[in-house]
Amino acid sequence: VPPSTYKPPKERKQLEEIKIKNRQKAEDLLLKANANQFRCATVKSEKKEVCYKILYCLKIPQEVVSFLPQNLEVVWKLVLRQYFEELQIDNIPIKLNAAAILREGALYQRKMEQELKRIEKLLQGARDPSEFFEWQKQMRGKDLEEQLAEIECRRLQGKLSHEEAVLAHQNVVQENKKKADLIREEKAELMHQYAEKRLQEQKEMRELVEQIVEGHKNAKQAKIKLQKYKQQIVQEVCEENRELLRQALEEEEVKLRKRYELIQQIRTIESLPIIRHKIVDLTETGGHGLICEMSIMELRERLALLREAQKAAEEEKRDQIIHEKQAKEQLLLDKLDQISLFRAELGRAAALKQEEKKRKSQSGERPMKDERILDLQKKIVEKRVERKKQAGLL
């Protein structure tokens, strides 16, 4: 059974950590926005117009965005940043067919509505859990470091066990080599004794065969005479059978000749022409006495009318399909315009995230190794040196 059957995948844990980080960033931005409300209110005309257009395309109700336009830019940045974090997890290229376009548009709209509701609750006096999340993040980091140290200890213990097993195997190989030399000498002695015994048995068997061959010579001559007598009897019986078969073939040939003549006469009679004349009137009915009886001409007319009606129905259905297709294409074009606006903002958010990640990686410190790990590494080096010395002796 693979271990992935009972263990949760790593991607789910990474998703949870990324969501917690995004939530903390969003709450920090909210606090900054509340502290600088007048600065948020002075949105540039072009950016403000784009934000209102996207909210209108997403069809967000007026009750949800009652606190706009003061926090419109903050909500916009939070939604785009959070969705970009989730998009960066898989990093898989998606083919933009009709279903993918509609699905992505609905996802943008849902994310925007959720962020607007959450920020509205915070503005109404909800508690800010950023300190708790920071403490939770630190504790998870410590737990993760302990787990990694434990995993490294187990790996080194396994490596040490491997070195000890290889050393024990080399000792066993030396002992087996000595035992093999003793067994080889005993086997050579036994083979020599067996060869002498085999030569004696072959000599006795050869003498016994010579005696049996002399006794079989007289029996072979009698067998040859009996075989010649049987061949003579078989030859006489074959000649009698051949004569009877020739007579039966002649009788069968006469019967076949008579049958062939009779068949030729019957075919000659059947080949004589029969004169049959029948005039067909397409306007007459069959004369069966049925109420629904029709002539061939009437049937053709009705079939032509049915074909025309079917053709008109097909034309009407084709026009309906064309109109529906055009409406669907227009909807997809609108969704693509909406998605392009979102992706443009996602690119800017990605650049900010990359810079922040680079800053954190440059300012981070390398963790110290555990004492247990250093001790195990030292033991492994000692065992490896001992094993190489033992291999040199071999």
Protein backbone atom coordinates (compact mmCIF):
# COMPACT_ATOMS: atom_id res chain seq x y z
CA VAL A 1 0.00 0.00 0.00
CA PRO A 2 1.56 3.37 -0.96
CA PRO A 3 2.09 5.83 1.95
CA SER A 4 0.03 8.50 0.15
CA THR A 5 -3.12 6.47 0.90
CA TYR A 6 -3.09 7.39 4.60
CA LYS A 7 -1.16 10.67 4.53
CA PRO A 8 -2.66 13.99 3.36
CA PRO A 9 -0.90 15.59 0.36
CA LYS A 10 1.67 18.35 0.89
CA GLU A 11 -0.18 20.68 -1.47
CA ARG A 12 -3.14 20.96 0.93
CA LYS A 13 -0.86 22.06 3.79
CA GLN A 14 0.84 24.60 1.53
CA LEU A 15 -2.55 25.96 0.49
CA GLU A 16 -3.57 26.48 4.11
CA GLU A 17 -0.32 28.31 4.91
CA ILE A 18 -0.68 30.56 1.86
CA LYS A 19 -4.28 31.41 2.76
CA ILE A 20 -3.25 32.38 6.31
CA LYS A 21 -0.48 34.64 4.95
CA ASN A 22 -2.86 36.33 2.52
CA ARG A 23 -5.40 36.91 5.27
CA GLN A 24 -2.77 38.56 7.48
CA LYS A 25 -1.64 40.81 4.63
CA ALA A 26 -5.23 41.82 3.90
CA GLU A 27 -5.87 42.71 7.54
CA ASP A 28 -2.68 44.79 7.69
CA LEU A 29 -3.80 46.70 4.63
CA LEU A 30 -7.22 47.21 6.21
CA LEU A 31 -5.67 48.74 9.32
CA LYS A 32 -3.58 51.07 7.17
CA ALA A 33 -6.67 52.05 5.17
CA ASN A 34 -8.62 52.83 8.34
CA ALA A 35 -5.75 54.98 9.63
CA ASN A 36 -5.51 56.93 6.34
CA GLN A 37 -9.13 57.21 5.26
CA PHE A 38 -8.79 60.58 3.54
CA ARG A 39 -5.82 59.34 1.51
CA CYS A 40 -7.88 56.35 0.32
CA ALA A 41 -10.74 58.63 -0.66
CA THR A 42 -8.55 60.54 -3.11
CA VAL A 43 -8.47 57.92 -5.80
CA LYS A 44 -7.26 58.91 -9.23
CA SER A 45 -10.04 59.30 -11.76
CA GLU A 46 -8.82 56.62 -14.18
CA LYS A 47 -8.22 53.96 -11.51
CA LYS A 48 -11.54 54.74 -9.82
CA GLU A 49 -13.40 54.42 -13.11
CA VAL A 50 -11.78 51.00 -13.82
CA CYS A 51 -12.71 49.74 -10.32
CA TYR A 52 -16.34 50.79 -10.76
CA LYS A 53 -16.48 49.13 -14.19
CA ILE A 54 -15.27 45.80 -12.80
CA LEU A 55 -17.72 45.96 -9.88
CA TYR A 56 -20.51 46.66 -12.36
CA CYS A 57 -19.44 43.69 -14.54
CA LEU A 58 -19.38 41.44 -11.47
CA LYS A 59 -22.98 42.56 -10.63
CA ILE A 60 -22.23 43.12 -6.93
CA PRO A 61 -25.35 44.28 -4.99
CA GLN A 62 -25.40 47.77 -3.53
CA GLU A 63 -26.00 46.49 0.03
CA VAL A 64 -22.61 44.75 0.07
CA VAL A 65 -20.62 47.80 -1.06
CA SER A 66 -22.41 50.39 1.07
CA PHE A 67 -19.10 51.73 2.37
CA LEU A 68 -17.70 52.52 -1.11
CA PRO A 69 -15.87 54.54 -2.45
CA GLN A 70 -13.74 55.01 0.69
CA ASN A 71 -12.41 51.41 0.71
CA LEU A 72 -12.83 50.52 -2.95
CA GLU A 73 -9.13 50.49 -3.80
CA VAL A 74 -8.24 48.45 -0.70
CA VAL A 75 -10.84 45.79 -1.50
CA TRP A 76 -9.66 45.67 -5.10
CA LYS A 77 -6.01 45.06 -4.13
CA LEU A 78 -6.91 42.44 -1.51
CA VAL A 79 -9.05 40.40 -3.89
CA LEU A 80 -6.48 40.44 -6.66
CA ARG A 81 -3.59 39.59 -4.33
CA GLN A 82 -5.39 36.69 -2.69
CA TYR A 83 -6.54 35.21 -5.99
CA PHE A 84 -3.05 35.57 -7.46
CA GLU A 85 -1.61 33.65 -4.49
CA GLU A 86 -3.98 30.77 -5.23
CA LEU A 87 -3.22 30.83 -8.94
CA GLN A 88 0.53 30.55 -8.29
CA ILE A 89 0.13 27.26 -6.41
CA ASP A 90 -0.50 24.94 -9.34
CA ASN A 91 1.08 27.00 -12.14
CA ILE A 92 -0.63 24.86 -14.79
CA PRO A 93 -1.58 26.36 -18.20
CA ILE A 94 -5.37 26.24 -18.67
CA LYS A 95 -7.00 26.16 -22.07
CA LEU A 96 -9.50 29.03 -22.28
CA ASN A 97 -12.54 27.29 -23.73
CA ALA A 98 -16.09 28.48 -23.04
CA ALA A 99 -16.44 26.58 -19.76
CA ALA A 100 -13.05 27.83 -18.48
CA ILE A 101 -13.90 31.46 -19.28
CA LEU A 102 -17.28 31.30 -17.47
CA ARG A 103 -15.76 29.46 -14.53
CA GLU A 104 -12.94 31.97 -14.10
CA GLY A 105 -15.32 34.92 -14.35
CA ALA A 106 -17.59 33.43 -11.68
CA LEU A 107 -14.56 32.83 -9.46
CA TYR A 108 -13.49 36.48 -9.70
CA GLN A 109 -16.98 37.62 -8.82
CA ARG A 110 -17.24 35.26 -5.84
CA LYS A 111 -13.85 36.34 -4.49
CA MET A 112 -14.78 40.01 -4.71
CA GLU A 113 -18.08 39.48 -2.88
CA GLN A 114 -16.40 37.49 -0.08
CA GLU A 115 -13.73 40.14 0.50
CA LEU A 116 -16.29 42.94 0.51
CA LYS A 117 -18.41 41.16 3.14
CA ARG A 118 -15.38 40.37 5.31
CA ILE A 119 -14.06 43.94 5.26
CA GLU A 120 -17.53 45.32 5.98
CA LYS A 121 -17.67 43.16 9.12
CA LEU A 122 -14.25 44.42 10.19
CA LEU A 123 -15.37 47.99 9.74
CA GLN A 124 -18.39 47.30 11.93
CA GLY A 125 -16.10 46.35 14.86
CA ALA A 126 -15.01 42.76 14.33
CA ARG A 127 -11.81 41.63 16.09
CA ASP A 128 -8.46 41.60 14.29
CA PRO A 129 -6.85 38.16 14.72
CA SER A 130 -3.46 39.13 13.25
CA GLU A 131 -1.54 38.67 16.54
CA PHE A 132 -3.02 35.23 17.06
CA PHE A 133 -2.14 34.26 13.48
CA GLU A 134 1.44 35.50 13.97
CA TRP A 135 1.82 33.40 17.14
CA GLN A 136 0.24 30.44 15.37
CA LYS A 137 2.66 30.86 12.48
CA GLN A 138 5.68 30.89 14.82
CA MET A 139 4.50 27.77 16.63
CA ARG A 140 3.95 25.97 13.34
CA GLY A 141 7.44 26.98 12.23
CA LYS A 142 8.92 25.50 15.42
CA ASP A 143 6.91 22.30 15.00
CA LEU A 144 8.08 22.04 11.41
CA GLU A 145 11.75 22.47 12.41
CA GLU A 146 11.38 19.74 15.06
CA GLN A 147 9.75 17.41 12.57
CA LEU A 148 12.51 18.02 10.01
CA ALA A 149 15.18 17.35 12.66
CA GLU A 150 13.44 14.11 13.64
CA ILE A 151 13.22 13.02 10.00
CA GLU A 152 16.93 13.78 9.50
CA CYS A 153 17.80 11.71 12.61
CA ARG A 154 15.81 8.77 11.30
CA ARG A 155 17.50 9.02 7.92
CA LEU A 156 20.97 9.08 9.47
CA GLN A 157 20.09 6.17 11.77
CA GLY A 158 19.05 4.19 8.71
CA LYS A 159 22.32 5.07 7.01
CA LEU A 160 24.28 3.98 10.09
CA SER A 161 22.38 0.68 10.17
CA HIS A 162 23.24 0.20 6.50
CA GLU A 163 26.97 0.68 7.14
CA GLU A 164 26.86 -1.80 10.05
CA ALA A 165 24.99 -4.32 7.90
CA VAL A 166 27.58 -4.00 5.09
CA LEU A 167 30.41 -4.56 7.59
CA ALA A 168 28.67 -7.66 9.02
CA HIS A 169 28.09 -8.93 5.46
CA GLN A 170 31.81 -8.68 4.69
CA ASN A 171 32.63 -10.77 7.80
CA VAL A 172 30.11 -13.41 6.74
CA VAL A 173 31.64 -13.48 3.24
CA GLN A 174 35.09 -14.29 4.68
CA GLU A 175 33.71 -17.18 6.75
CA ASN A 176 31.74 -18.53 3.78
CA LYS A 177 34.87 -18.40 1.65
CA LYS A 178 36.77 -20.63 4.08
CA LYS A 179 33.88 -23.12 4.26
CA ALA A 180 33.66 -23.18 0.46
CA ASP A 181 37.36 -24.18 0.16
CA LEU A 182 36.85 -27.14 2.51
CA ILE A 183 33.72 -28.29 0.67
CA ARG A 184 35.54 -28.01 -2.67
CA GLU A 185 38.33 -30.36 -1.52
CA GLU A 186 35.84 -32.93 -0.19
CA LYS A 187 33.89 -32.75 -3.45
CA ALA A 188 37.04 -33.44 -5.54
CA GLU A 189 37.79 -36.59 -3.49
CA LEU A 190 34.23 -37.87 -3.86
CA MET A 191 34.27 -37.28 -7.63
CA HIS A 192 37.47 -39.34 -7.98
CA GLN A 193 35.89 -42.27 -6.10
CA TYR A 194 32.72 -42.01 -8.16
CA ALA A 195 34.67 -42.09 -11.46
CA GLU A 196 36.46 -45.35 -10.52
CA LYS A 197 33.17 -46.97 -9.48
CA ARG A 198 31.53 -45.88 -12.75
CA LEU A 199 34.31 -47.44 -14.89
CA GLN A 200 33.89 -50.80 -13.10
CA GLU A 201 30.09 -50.77 -13.68
CA GLN A 202 30.52 -50.00 -17.40
CA LYS A 203 32.90 -52.94 -17.82
CA GLU A 204 30.43 -55.36 -16.19
CA MET A 205 27.54 -54.00 -18.31
CA ARG A 206 29.52 -54.47 -21.56
CA GLU A 207 30.09 -58.19 -20.79
CA LEU A 208 26.38 -58.67 -20.03
CA VAL A 209 25.34 -57.05 -23.37
CA GLU A 210 27.61 -59.36 -25.38
CA GLN A 211 25.97 -62.40 -23.81
CA ILE A 212 22.45 -61.13 -24.61
CA VAL A 213 23.34 -60.34 -28.30
CA GLU A 214 24.45 -63.93 -28.94
CA GLY A 215 21.10 -65.24 -27.57
CA HIS A 216 19.03 -62.94 -29.88
CA LYS A 217 20.67 -63.93 -33.21
CA ASN A 218 18.56 -67.15 -33.65
CA ALA A 219 15.28 -65.34 -32.80
CA LYS A 220 15.95 -62.68 -35.46
CA GLN A 221 16.14 -65.21 -38.35
CA ALA A 222 12.76 -66.70 -37.41
CA LYS A 223 11.20 -63.23 -37.32
CA ILE A 224 12.42 -62.48 -40.91
CA LYS A 225 10.76 -65.61 -42.31
CA LEU A 226 7.44 -64.77 -40.64
CA GLN A 227 7.52 -61.23 -42.06
CA LYS A 228 7.98 -62.46 -45.66
CA TYR A 229 4.98 -64.78 -45.34
CA LYS A 230 2.76 -61.92 -44.11
CA GLN A 231 3.83 -59.68 -47.03
CA GLN A 232 2.78 -62.33 -49.55
CA ILE A 233 -0.72 -62.63 -47.99
CA VAL A 234 -1.19 -58.82 -48.01
CA GLN A 235 -0.27 -58.60 -51.72
CA GLU A 236 -2.91 -61.19 -52.71
CA VAL A 237 -5.65 -59.38 -50.74
CA CYS A 238 -4.76 -56.04 -52.37
CA GLU A 239 -5.19 -57.43 -55.89
CA GLU A 240 -8.71 -58.75 -55.06
CA ASN A 241 -9.76 -55.39 -53.57
CA ARG A 242 -8.49 -53.51 -56.62
CA GLU A 243 -10.71 -55.61 -58.98
CA LEU A 244 -13.85 -55.06 -56.86
CA LEU A 245 -13.21 -51.30 -56.75
CA ARG A 246 -12.91 -51.09 -60.56
CA GLN A 247 -16.32 -52.77 -61.03
CA ALA A 248 -18.00 -50.41 -58.55
CA LEU A 249 -16.58 -47.35 -60.33
CA GLU A 250 -17.94 -48.49 -63.70
CA GLU A 251 -21.47 -48.93 -62.26
CA GLU A 252 -21.40 -45.48 -60.63
CA GLU A 253 -20.26 -43.85 -63.90
CA VAL A 254 -23.30 -45.27 -65.75
CA LYS A 255 -25.68 -43.87 -63.09
CA LEU A 256 -24.12 -40.39 -63.27
CA ARG A 257 -24.41 -40.30 -67.06
CA LYS A 258 -28.18 -41.01 -66.86
CA ARG A 259 -28.69 -38.26 -64.24
CA TYR A 260 -26.84 -35.71 -66.37
CA GLU A 261 -29.06 -36.43 -69.40
CA LEU A 262 -32.22 -36.01 -67.26
CA ILE A 263 -31.01 -32.64 -65.87
CA GLN A 264 -30.27 -31.36 -69.39
CA GLN A 265 -33.85 -32.15 -70.48
CA ILE A 266 -35.35 -30.30 -67.45
CA ARG A 267 -33.21 -27.19 -68.14
CA THR A 268 -34.27 -27.15 -71.79
CA ILE A 269 -37.96 -27.13 -70.74
CA GLU A 270 -37.41 -24.32 -68.20
CA SER A 271 -35.57 -22.11 -70.70
CA LEU A 272 -38.65 -21.76 -72.94
CA PRO A 273 -39.95 -18.08 -72.80
CA ILE A 274 -43.24 -17.21 -71.04
CA ILE A 275 -45.08 -14.15 -72.36
CA ARG A 276 -46.53 -11.93 -69.58
CA HIS A 277 -47.86 -8.39 -70.16
CA LYS A 278 -49.11 -6.07 -67.38
CA ILE A 279 -49.86 -2.32 -67.74
CA VAL A 280 -49.25 -0.19 -64.62
CA ASP A 281 -51.41 2.94 -63.98
CA LEU A 282 -49.83 5.23 -61.34
CA THR A 283 -53.15 7.05 -60.70
CA GLU A 284 -55.06 3.91 -59.64
CA THR A 285 -55.23 2.44 -56.14
CA GLY A 286 -54.40 -1.11 -55.24
CA GLY A 287 -58.06 -2.09 -54.92
CA HIS A 288 -57.74 -3.68 -51.48
CA GLY A 289 -60.82 -1.89 -50.09
CA LEU A 290 -59.05 0.10 -47.36
CA ILE A 291 -60.06 3.64 -46.28
CA CYS A 292 -56.46 4.94 -46.27
CA GLU A 293 -55.68 3.48 -49.69
CA MET A 294 -53.76 5.86 -52.03
CA SER A 295 -52.39 5.78 -55.51
CA ILE A 296 -48.68 6.15 -56.24
CA MET A 297 -49.10 9.72 -57.59
CA GLU A 298 -50.97 10.83 -54.44
CA LEU A 299 -48.33 9.22 -52.27
CA ARG A 300 -45.59 11.10 -54.10
CA GLU A 301 -47.39 14.42 -53.62
CA ARG A 302 -47.80 13.84 -49.92
CA LEU A 303 -44.14 12.89 -49.56
CA ALA A 304 -43.13 16.13 -51.32
CA LEU A 305 -45.28 18.18 -48.90
CA LEU A 306 -43.73 16.42 -45.91
CA ARG A 307 -40.22 17.10 -47.21
CA GLU A 308 -41.00 20.81 -47.62
CA ALA A 309 -42.39 21.02 -44.06
CA GLN A 310 -39.33 19.23 -42.69
CA LYS A 311 -37.01 21.56 -44.60
CA ALA A 312 -38.80 24.64 -43.19
CA ALA A 313 -38.51 23.29 -39.63
CA GLU A 314 -34.81 22.64 -40.13
CA GLU A 315 -34.26 26.19 -41.40
CA GLU A 316 -36.08 27.63 -38.39
CA LYS A 317 -34.03 25.50 -36.00
CA ARG A 318 -30.80 26.51 -37.77
CA ASP A 319 -31.64 30.22 -37.37
CA GLN A 320 -32.38 29.69 -33.67
CA ILE A 321 -29.05 27.92 -33.15
CA ILE A 322 -27.19 30.76 -34.92
CA HIS A 323 -28.83 33.40 -32.68
CA GLU A 324 -27.99 31.41 -29.53
CA LYS A 325 -24.41 30.95 -30.69
CA GLN A 326 -23.99 34.68 -31.33
CA ALA A 327 -25.39 35.52 -27.87
CA LYS A 328 -23.02 33.02 -26.26
CA GLU A 329 -20.02 34.43 -28.15
CA GLN A 330 -20.91 37.95 -27.01
CA LEU A 331 -21.12 36.73 -23.40
CA LEU A 332 -17.71 35.06 -23.70
CA LEU A 333 -16.19 38.27 -25.15
CA ASP A 334 -17.52 40.26 -22.19
CA LYS A 335 -16.08 37.69 -19.77
CA LEU A 336 -12.71 37.81 -21.56
CA ASP A 337 -12.59 41.59 -21.20
CA GLN A 338 -13.35 41.21 -17.49
CA ILE A 339 -10.66 38.50 -17.06
CA SER A 340 -8.05 40.60 -18.89
CA LEU A 341 -8.63 43.47 -16.43
CA PHE A 342 -8.16 41.16 -13.48
CA ARG A 343 -5.03 39.54 -14.91
CA ALA A 344 -3.40 42.89 -15.50
CA GLU A 345 -3.75 43.68 -11.80
CA LEU A 346 -2.60 40.16 -10.90
CA GLY A 347 0.66 40.76 -12.75
CA ARG A 348 1.40 43.85 -10.69
CA ALA A 349 0.55 41.98 -7.49
CA ALA A 350 2.93 39.17 -8.55
CA ALA A 351 5.83 41.61 -8.90
CA LEU A 352 5.20 42.98 -5.40
CA LYS A 353 5.04 39.48 -3.95
CA GLN A 354 8.29 38.44 -5.67
CA GLU A 355 10.15 41.44 -4.29
CA GLU A 356 8.84 40.78 -0.78
CA LYS A 357 9.80 37.11 -1.01
CA LYS A 358 13.32 38.03 -2.18
CA ARG A 359 13.72 40.44 0.74
CA LYS A 360 12.67 37.78 3.23
CA SER A 361 14.98 35.14 1.73
CA GLN A 362 17.97 37.54 1.88
CA SER A 363 17.30 38.55 5.50
CA GLY A 364 16.68 34.96 6.76
CA GLU A 365 19.25 33.03 8.86
CA ARG A 366 20.39 29.43 8.42
CA PRO A 367 19.15 27.15 11.25
CA MET A 368 21.67 25.39 13.45
CA LYS A 369 21.98 21.63 13.22
CA ASP A 370 20.80 19.41 16.06
CA GLU A 371 23.43 17.70 18.26
CA ARG A 372 21.89 14.29 17.58
CA ILE A 373 22.35 14.80 13.85
CA LEU A 374 26.03 15.76 14.27
CA ASP A 375 26.66 12.71 16.48
CA LEU A 376 25.03 10.35 13.97
CA GLN A 377 27.02 11.85 11.08
CA LYS A 378 30.26 11.29 13.03
CA LYS A 379 29.36 7.62 13.69
CA ILE A 380 28.54 7.07 10.01
CA VAL A 381 31.96 8.40 8.96
CA GLU A 382 33.71 6.06 11.43
CA LYS A 383 31.75 3.01 10.21
CA ARG A 384 32.47 3.89 6.59
CA VAL A 385 36.23 4.11 7.25
CA GLU A 386 36.15 0.73 9.04
CA ARG A 387 34.21 -0.83 6.15
CA LYS A 388 36.73 0.43 3.57
CA LYS A 389 39.63 -1.00 5.60
CA GLN A 390 37.84 -4.36 5.78
CA ALA A 391 37.19 -4.28 2.01
CA GLY A 392 40.91 -3.59 1.41
CA LEU A 393 41.84 -6.74 3.37
CA LEU A 394 39.49 -8.79 1.21
